[in-house]
Structure formats: C-alpha cells, structure tokens
C-alpha cells in the first residue's frame, strides 16, 4: 500500500516511555507524540490519534502502529 521511513525518538523513565514518531516518504506525516508503558519485552503506545504495540528484541522493535491507517513497523536502535 505504501511505505516510508519511520523515526521514533522514545525516552524511557522506568516503565514509562514517551516521544515523537515521524514517517517520511510517500506516506509522510507530521510528528505524533506517543506515551506508553513497557511490560516485559512489549511497549504499548498511545497518542491522541493513534496507538501501537511493539515487541523489543535486542536493538530492534517490531509491531503495529495504528493511526489514519495501520502500519507494520520495524525499528532499529541508532547509537
């Protein structure tokens, strides 16, 4: 359907995470600020107009993010 680069800048404070997500490419978006919670190897995200669940494995996160359209995301930590 579409694609693009997803950039998330999540900050963690205990079990809480927060930060913006931006999508660039053919389906670009303005930054969306997410808040969420870490539970085990999962992160559950919420925003005013979106949500998502990501699974963390090492330096990678994969899962679904829902907004205007659902998107499968695969993220890799940048150091």
N, C-alpha and C. Protein backbone atom coordinates (compact mmCIF):
# COMPACT_ATOMS: atom_id res chain seq x y z
N UNK A 1 0.83 -1.19 0.00
CA UNK A 1 0.00 0.00 0.00
C UNK A 1 0.87 1.24 0.00
N UNK A 2 1.83 1.30 0.88
CA UNK A 2 2.70 2.47 0.98
C UNK A 2 3.91 2.11 1.77
N UNK A 3 4.75 3.06 1.96
CA UNK A 3 5.94 2.80 2.74
C UNK A 3 6.66 4.09 3.03
N UNK A 4 7.62 4.01 3.85
CA UNK A 4 8.40 5.18 4.22
C UNK A 4 9.30 4.83 5.37
N UNK A 5 10.07 5.80 5.76
CA UNK A 5 10.96 5.63 6.89
C UNK A 5 10.26 6.11 8.14
N UNK A 6 10.27 5.28 9.18
CA UNK A 6 9.67 5.62 10.47
C UNK A 6 10.80 5.96 11.42
N UNK A 7 10.69 7.11 12.06
CA UNK A 7 11.69 7.54 13.04
C UNK A 7 10.97 7.78 14.36
N UNK A 8 11.40 7.08 15.40
CA UNK A 8 10.86 7.30 16.74
C UNK A 8 12.02 7.69 17.65
N UNK A 9 11.77 8.65 18.52
CA UNK A 9 12.77 9.08 19.49
C UNK A 9 12.17 8.89 20.88
N UNK A 10 12.10 7.64 21.32
CA UNK A 10 11.48 7.32 22.60
C UNK A 10 12.48 7.48 23.73
N UNK A 11 12.00 8.05 24.81
CA UNK A 11 12.78 8.18 26.04
C UNK A 11 12.09 7.32 27.09
N UNK A 12 12.87 6.59 27.88
CA UNK A 12 12.30 5.71 28.90
C UNK A 12 12.62 6.24 30.28
N UNK A 13 11.61 6.24 31.15
CA UNK A 13 11.75 6.61 32.56
C UNK A 13 11.04 5.54 33.36
N UNK A 14 11.79 4.55 33.82
CA UNK A 14 11.17 3.40 34.49
C UNK A 14 10.36 2.62 33.47
N UNK A 15 9.07 2.40 33.76
CA UNK A 15 8.20 1.67 32.83
C UNK A 15 7.54 2.59 31.82
N UNK A 16 7.71 3.90 31.96
CA UNK A 16 7.08 4.86 31.05
C UNK A 16 7.99 5.19 29.88
N UNK A 17 7.41 5.32 28.68
CA UNK A 17 8.13 5.79 27.51
C UNK A 17 7.33 6.93 26.87
N UNK A 18 8.05 7.82 26.21
CA UNK A 18 7.37 8.91 25.50
C UNK A 18 8.30 9.44 24.43
N UNK A 19 7.70 10.05 23.42
CA UNK A 19 8.48 10.66 22.36
C UNK A 19 7.73 10.71 21.04
N UNK A 20 8.31 11.42 20.07
CA UNK A 20 7.66 11.59 18.78
C UNK A 20 7.96 10.45 17.80
N UNK A 21 7.03 10.25 16.87
CA UNK A 21 7.23 9.36 15.74
C UNK A 21 6.93 10.15 14.47
N UNK A 22 7.81 10.05 13.50
CA UNK A 22 7.63 10.72 12.22
C UNK A 22 7.76 9.70 11.12
N UNK A 23 6.92 9.82 10.09
CA UNK A 23 7.00 8.97 8.91
C UNK A 23 7.37 9.85 7.73
N UNK A 24 8.41 9.45 6.99
CA UNK A 24 8.80 10.20 5.80
C UNK A 24 8.71 9.29 4.59
N UNK A 25 8.58 9.86 3.42
CA UNK A 25 8.44 9.10 2.20
C UNK A 25 7.09 9.39 1.57
N UNK A 26 6.58 8.47 0.75
CA UNK A 26 5.30 8.71 0.06
C UNK A 26 4.13 8.90 1.01
N UNK A 27 4.22 8.32 2.22
CA UNK A 27 3.14 8.45 3.19
C UNK A 27 3.64 9.23 4.41
N UNK A 28 4.19 10.43 4.19
CA UNK A 28 4.80 11.20 5.27
C UNK A 28 3.74 11.76 6.21
N UNK A 29 4.20 12.09 7.43
CA UNK A 29 3.29 12.64 8.44
C UNK A 29 4.01 13.65 9.31
N UNK A 30 3.22 14.47 9.97
CA UNK A 30 3.76 15.36 10.99
C UNK A 30 4.11 14.47 12.20
N UNK A 31 5.04 14.92 13.04
CA UNK A 31 5.37 14.12 14.22
C UNK A 31 4.14 13.87 15.10
N UNK A 32 4.02 12.66 15.59
CA UNK A 32 2.97 12.28 16.54
C UNK A 32 3.65 11.93 17.85
N UNK A 33 3.25 12.58 18.92
CA UNK A 33 3.84 12.30 20.24
C UNK A 33 3.12 11.15 20.91
N UNK A 34 3.87 10.11 21.21
CA UNK A 34 3.34 8.93 21.86
C UNK A 34 3.75 8.89 23.32
N UNK A 35 2.93 8.27 24.14
CA UNK A 35 3.26 7.91 25.51
C UNK A 35 2.93 6.44 25.65
N UNK A 36 3.60 5.77 26.53
CA UNK A 36 3.30 4.36 26.69
C UNK A 36 3.96 3.75 27.88
N UNK A 37 3.86 2.43 27.93
CA UNK A 37 4.41 1.66 29.04
C UNK A 37 5.14 0.43 28.52
N UNK A 38 6.23 0.12 29.20
CA UNK A 38 6.99 -1.09 28.91
C UNK A 38 6.51 -2.18 29.86
N UNK A 39 6.26 -3.36 29.31
CA UNK A 39 5.88 -4.51 30.11
C UNK A 39 6.59 -5.72 29.52
N UNK A 40 7.60 -6.20 30.22
CA UNK A 40 8.39 -7.31 29.69
C UNK A 40 9.12 -6.87 28.44
N UNK A 41 8.87 -7.56 27.33
CA UNK A 41 9.52 -7.19 26.06
C UNK A 41 8.55 -6.46 25.13
N UNK A 42 7.45 -5.93 25.68
CA UNK A 42 6.46 -5.20 24.87
C UNK A 42 6.37 -3.75 25.30
N UNK A 43 6.06 -2.90 24.32
CA UNK A 43 5.78 -1.49 24.57
C UNK A 43 4.40 -1.22 24.00
N UNK A 44 3.51 -0.72 24.84
CA UNK A 44 2.17 -0.34 24.39
C UNK A 44 2.15 1.18 24.32
N UNK A 45 1.88 1.71 23.11
CA UNK A 45 1.92 3.15 22.86
C UNK A 45 0.52 3.71 22.69
N UNK A 46 0.34 4.96 23.14
CA UNK A 46 -0.93 5.66 22.96
C UNK A 46 -0.63 7.10 22.57
N UNK A 47 -1.48 7.65 21.71
CA UNK A 47 -1.40 9.05 21.31
C UNK A 47 -2.82 9.54 21.11
N UNK A 48 -2.97 10.85 20.92
CA UNK A 48 -4.31 11.41 20.71
C UNK A 48 -5.00 10.76 19.52
N UNK A 49 -4.25 10.47 18.45
CA UNK A 49 -4.85 9.92 17.23
C UNK A 49 -4.14 8.65 16.78
N UNK A 50 -3.69 7.83 17.74
CA UNK A 50 -3.01 6.61 17.35
C UNK A 50 -2.69 5.73 18.54
N UNK A 51 -2.25 4.54 18.23
CA UNK A 51 -1.84 3.58 19.25
C UNK A 51 -0.91 2.58 18.60
N UNK A 52 -0.36 1.71 19.40
CA UNK A 52 0.50 0.69 18.83
C UNK A 52 1.02 -0.26 19.88
N UNK A 53 1.50 -1.39 19.42
CA UNK A 53 2.15 -2.37 20.29
C UNK A 53 3.41 -2.84 19.58
N UNK A 54 4.53 -2.71 20.25
CA UNK A 54 5.82 -3.09 19.69
C UNK A 54 6.46 -4.15 20.57
N UNK A 55 7.16 -5.09 19.95
CA UNK A 55 7.91 -6.12 20.66
C UNK A 55 9.38 -5.79 20.53
N UNK A 56 10.08 -5.77 21.66
CA UNK A 56 11.50 -5.43 21.69
C UNK A 56 12.31 -6.71 21.71
N UNK A 57 13.32 -6.78 20.84
CA UNK A 57 14.25 -7.90 20.82
C UNK A 57 15.63 -7.32 20.53
N UNK A 58 16.46 -7.23 21.57
CA UNK A 58 17.78 -6.63 21.42
C UNK A 58 17.65 -5.17 21.06
N UNK A 59 18.26 -4.77 19.95
CA UNK A 59 18.22 -3.38 19.49
C UNK A 59 17.13 -3.14 18.45
N UNK A 60 16.17 -4.05 18.35
CA UNK A 60 15.10 -3.89 17.36
C UNK A 60 13.72 -3.96 18.00
N UNK A 61 12.78 -3.23 17.39
CA UNK A 61 11.38 -3.27 17.80
C UNK A 61 10.54 -3.49 16.55
N UNK A 62 9.56 -4.37 16.64
CA UNK A 62 8.65 -4.61 15.53
C UNK A 62 7.23 -4.64 16.06
N UNK A 63 6.28 -4.31 15.21
CA UNK A 63 4.88 -4.38 15.63
C UNK A 63 3.98 -3.56 14.74
N UNK A 64 2.82 -3.23 15.28
CA UNK A 64 1.81 -2.47 14.55
C UNK A 64 1.59 -1.12 15.22
N UNK A 65 1.46 -0.09 14.39
CA UNK A 65 1.09 1.24 14.85
C UNK A 65 -0.17 1.63 14.10
N UNK A 66 -1.16 2.11 14.84
CA UNK A 66 -2.44 2.47 14.25
C UNK A 66 -2.63 3.98 14.34
N UNK A 67 -3.00 4.57 13.23
CA UNK A 67 -3.30 6.00 13.15
C UNK A 67 -4.36 6.15 12.10
N UNK A 68 -4.10 6.97 11.10
CA UNK A 68 -5.03 7.08 9.98
C UNK A 68 -5.17 5.73 9.30
N UNK A 69 -4.03 5.05 9.14
CA UNK A 69 -4.01 3.70 8.57
C UNK A 69 -3.09 2.84 9.43
N UNK A 70 -3.40 1.56 9.58
CA UNK A 70 -2.49 0.69 10.33
C UNK A 70 -1.19 0.49 9.55
N UNK A 71 -0.09 0.39 10.29
CA UNK A 71 1.20 0.21 9.65
C UNK A 71 2.02 -0.82 10.43
N UNK A 72 2.65 -1.71 9.71
CA UNK A 72 3.62 -2.63 10.30
C UNK A 72 4.95 -1.90 10.32
N UNK A 73 5.58 -1.84 11.49
CA UNK A 73 6.86 -1.12 11.60
C UNK A 73 7.95 -2.06 12.08
N UNK A 74 9.15 -1.75 11.64
CA UNK A 74 10.35 -2.44 12.07
C UNK A 74 11.38 -1.36 12.34
N UNK A 75 11.80 -1.25 13.59
CA UNK A 75 12.71 -0.18 14.01
C UNK A 75 14.00 -0.77 14.55
N UNK A 76 15.10 -0.07 14.31
CA UNK A 76 16.41 -0.48 14.82
C UNK A 76 17.02 0.69 15.56
N UNK A 77 17.54 0.42 16.77
CA UNK A 77 18.14 1.47 17.59
C UNK A 77 19.36 2.08 16.89
N UNK A 78 19.42 3.38 16.87
CA UNK A 78 20.57 4.11 16.34
C UNK A 78 21.40 4.60 17.52
N UNK A 79 22.66 4.36 17.50
CA UNK A 79 23.53 4.80 18.61
C UNK A 79 24.48 5.85 18.15
